[in-house]
Amino acid sequence: MIAKTKASPHVKDRGFDPARALDPRRALVPAVVKVNETRVRKGFWPKIVSTAAKIPFASDAVAVWYCAKDPATPSSAKGLMLAALAYFVMPADAIPDVLAVVGFTDDAAVFAALLAVVGRHLKPQHRAEAKAFLERQRQASDEG
């Protein structure tokens, strides 16, 4: 006897296609960029403040945020940056962030891939702003 699965009516018959989900061309669709920008605007700072001490790529994440907000950054690079930042702030991802140590490995992989593709757009000023922010966070947590 084969059990019949009860899929949600919103699930497509094709199943999950990781190649399509990670297709960088989709990250540049204006509607997707707008959704990602909204997610990042609402969720980035609360998440980075709560996790900065736990993740080794915090400096890269903050530098990417500053770069994405820089008017001199090309829109194609911004779209990919916003996609990576949106993935970071999304509560549900490939490996749940609540899992100690391994929870952020998928996020780290996304940032590593992002930096390989658009890392040349990160300027020393973006990295300096990120370093200054993280230092202020460290000082605030030491005082509190």
Protein backbone atom coordinates (compact mmCIF):
# COMPACT_ATOMS: atom_id res chain seq x y z
CA MET A 1 0.00 0.00 0.00
CA ILE A 2 1.41 3.37 -0.98
CA ALA A 3 0.48 6.29 1.22
CA LYS A 4 -0.76 9.31 -0.63
CA THR A 5 0.95 12.51 0.46
CA LYS A 6 -1.14 15.53 1.28
CA ALA A 7 0.79 18.39 -0.28
CA SER A 8 -0.23 21.95 0.33
CA PRO A 9 -2.20 23.41 -2.58
CA HIS A 10 0.57 26.04 -2.83
CA VAL A 11 3.28 23.46 -3.52
CA LYS A 12 4.07 22.99 -7.18
CA ASP A 13 4.24 19.48 -8.61
CA ARG A 14 7.78 20.05 -9.88
CA GLY A 15 9.24 19.90 -6.39
CA PHE A 16 12.11 21.97 -5.11
CA ASP A 17 14.77 22.80 -7.65
CA PRO A 18 17.88 24.18 -5.90
CA ALA A 19 19.39 25.39 -9.17
CA ARG A 20 16.32 27.55 -9.80
CA ALA A 21 16.17 28.76 -6.20
CA LEU A 22 19.81 29.88 -6.30
CA ASP A 23 19.70 31.31 -9.83
CA PRO A 24 21.31 34.77 -9.52
CA ARG A 25 19.17 36.08 -12.39
CA ARG A 26 16.10 35.77 -10.17
CA ALA A 27 17.81 37.89 -7.49
CA LEU A 28 17.85 40.79 -9.96
CA VAL A 29 14.16 40.78 -10.84
CA PRO A 30 12.89 44.20 -9.62
CA ALA A 31 10.02 42.73 -7.59
CA VAL A 32 12.39 40.27 -5.89
CA VAL A 33 14.90 43.04 -5.16
CA LYS A 34 12.12 45.09 -3.55
CA VAL A 35 10.99 42.18 -1.36
CA ASN A 36 14.59 41.44 -0.35
CA GLU A 37 15.23 45.10 0.42
CA THR A 38 12.17 45.20 2.68
CA ARG A 39 13.23 42.00 4.50
CA VAL A 40 16.74 43.35 5.00
CA ARG A 41 15.56 46.78 6.15
CA LYS A 42 13.34 45.21 8.82
CA GLY A 43 15.47 42.31 9.93
CA PHE A 44 19.18 42.90 9.36
CA TRP A 45 20.15 45.09 12.32
CA PRO A 46 18.21 43.14 14.95
CA LYS A 47 19.69 39.86 13.70
CA ILE A 48 23.27 41.10 13.37
CA VAL A 49 23.15 42.69 16.83
CA SER A 50 21.94 39.44 18.37
CA THR A 51 24.36 37.20 16.47
CA ALA A 52 27.51 39.25 15.77
CA ALA A 53 29.49 37.70 18.62
CA LYS A 54 28.55 34.19 17.46
CA ILE A 55 29.34 34.33 13.76
CA PRO A 56 32.79 34.69 12.21
CA PHE A 57 31.44 36.36 9.07
CA ALA A 58 29.70 39.23 10.90
CA SER A 59 32.18 41.77 9.53
CA ASP A 60 31.52 40.60 5.97
CA ALA A 61 27.75 40.74 6.49
CA VAL A 62 27.86 44.29 7.84
CA ALA A 63 30.28 45.39 5.09
CA VAL A 64 27.91 43.92 2.49
CA TRP A 65 25.03 45.88 4.06
CA TYR A 66 27.00 49.14 3.84
CA CYS A 67 28.00 48.33 0.26
CA ALA A 68 24.40 47.55 -0.72
CA LYS A 69 23.33 50.95 0.66
CA ASP A 70 26.12 52.79 -1.21
CA PRO A 71 24.75 54.68 -4.25
CA ALA A 72 28.02 53.97 -6.10
CA THR A 73 27.43 50.19 -5.99
CA PRO A 74 26.04 48.86 -9.30
CA SER A 75 22.41 47.74 -9.10
CA SER A 76 23.25 44.19 -10.23
CA ALA A 77 25.67 43.82 -7.31
CA LYS A 78 23.12 45.37 -4.93
CA GLY A 79 20.49 42.86 -6.02
CA LEU A 80 22.76 39.93 -5.22
CA MET A 81 23.84 41.51 -1.93
CA LEU A 82 20.24 42.07 -0.87
CA ALA A 83 19.44 38.46 -1.75
CA ALA A 84 22.27 37.21 0.49
CA LEU A 85 21.29 39.57 3.31
CA ALA A 86 17.63 38.53 2.99
CA TYR A 87 18.66 34.88 3.26
CA PHE A 88 20.62 35.75 6.39
CA VAL A 89 17.63 37.41 8.08
CA MET A 90 15.00 34.89 7.02
CA PRO A 91 13.88 32.81 10.00
CA ALA A 92 13.67 29.63 7.92
CA ASP A 93 16.70 28.58 5.93
CA ALA A 94 18.52 25.41 4.92
CA ILE A 95 20.13 24.90 8.34
CA PRO A 96 18.21 26.51 11.23
CA ASP A 97 20.29 29.21 12.94
CA VAL A 98 19.23 27.98 16.38
CA LEU A 99 21.52 24.96 15.98
CA ALA A 100 24.78 25.79 17.75
CA VAL A 101 27.85 26.14 15.54
CA VAL A 102 26.41 24.54 12.39
CA GLY A 103 23.34 26.78 12.24
CA PHE A 104 25.14 29.56 10.41
CA THR A 105 27.23 27.43 8.04
CA ASP A 106 24.72 27.84 5.23
CA ASP A 107 24.71 31.62 5.76
CA ALA A 108 28.53 31.63 5.73
CA ALA A 109 28.50 29.67 2.46
CA VAL A 110 26.08 32.16 0.92
CA PHE A 111 28.34 35.07 1.94
CA ALA A 112 31.45 33.27 0.65
CA ALA A 113 29.79 32.73 -2.73
CA LEU A 114 28.51 36.30 -2.78
CA LEU A 115 31.96 37.73 -2.05
CA ALA A 116 33.47 35.58 -4.79
CA VAL A 117 31.00 37.07 -7.28
CA VAL A 118 30.64 40.71 -6.20
CA GLY A 119 33.33 41.16 -3.54
CA ARG A 120 35.25 43.62 -5.70
CA HIS A 121 32.51 46.16 -5.00
CA LEU A 122 33.24 46.15 -1.26
CA LYS A 123 35.43 49.19 -0.68
CA PRO A 124 37.77 49.81 2.25
CA GLN A 125 35.21 52.35 3.57
CA HIS A 126 32.53 49.60 3.77
CA ARG A 127 34.88 47.33 5.68
CA ALA A 128 35.95 50.21 7.98
CA GLU A 129 32.30 51.07 8.73
CA ALA A 130 31.61 47.41 9.51
CA LYS A 131 34.63 47.18 11.78
CA ALA A 132 33.61 50.38 13.62
CA PHE A 133 30.04 49.13 14.08
CA LEU A 134 31.16 45.76 15.44
CA GLU A 135 33.62 47.46 17.80
CA ARG A 136 30.80 49.66 19.15
CA GLN A 137 28.67 46.53 19.62
CA ARG A 138 31.49 44.77 21.47
CA GLN A 139 32.02 47.77 23.76
CA ALA A 140 28.28 48.03 24.46
CA SER A 141 28.06 44.36 25.38
CA ASP A 142 31.13 44.67 27.63
CA GLU A 143 29.47 47.58 29.45
CA GLY A 144 26.08 45.90 29.71
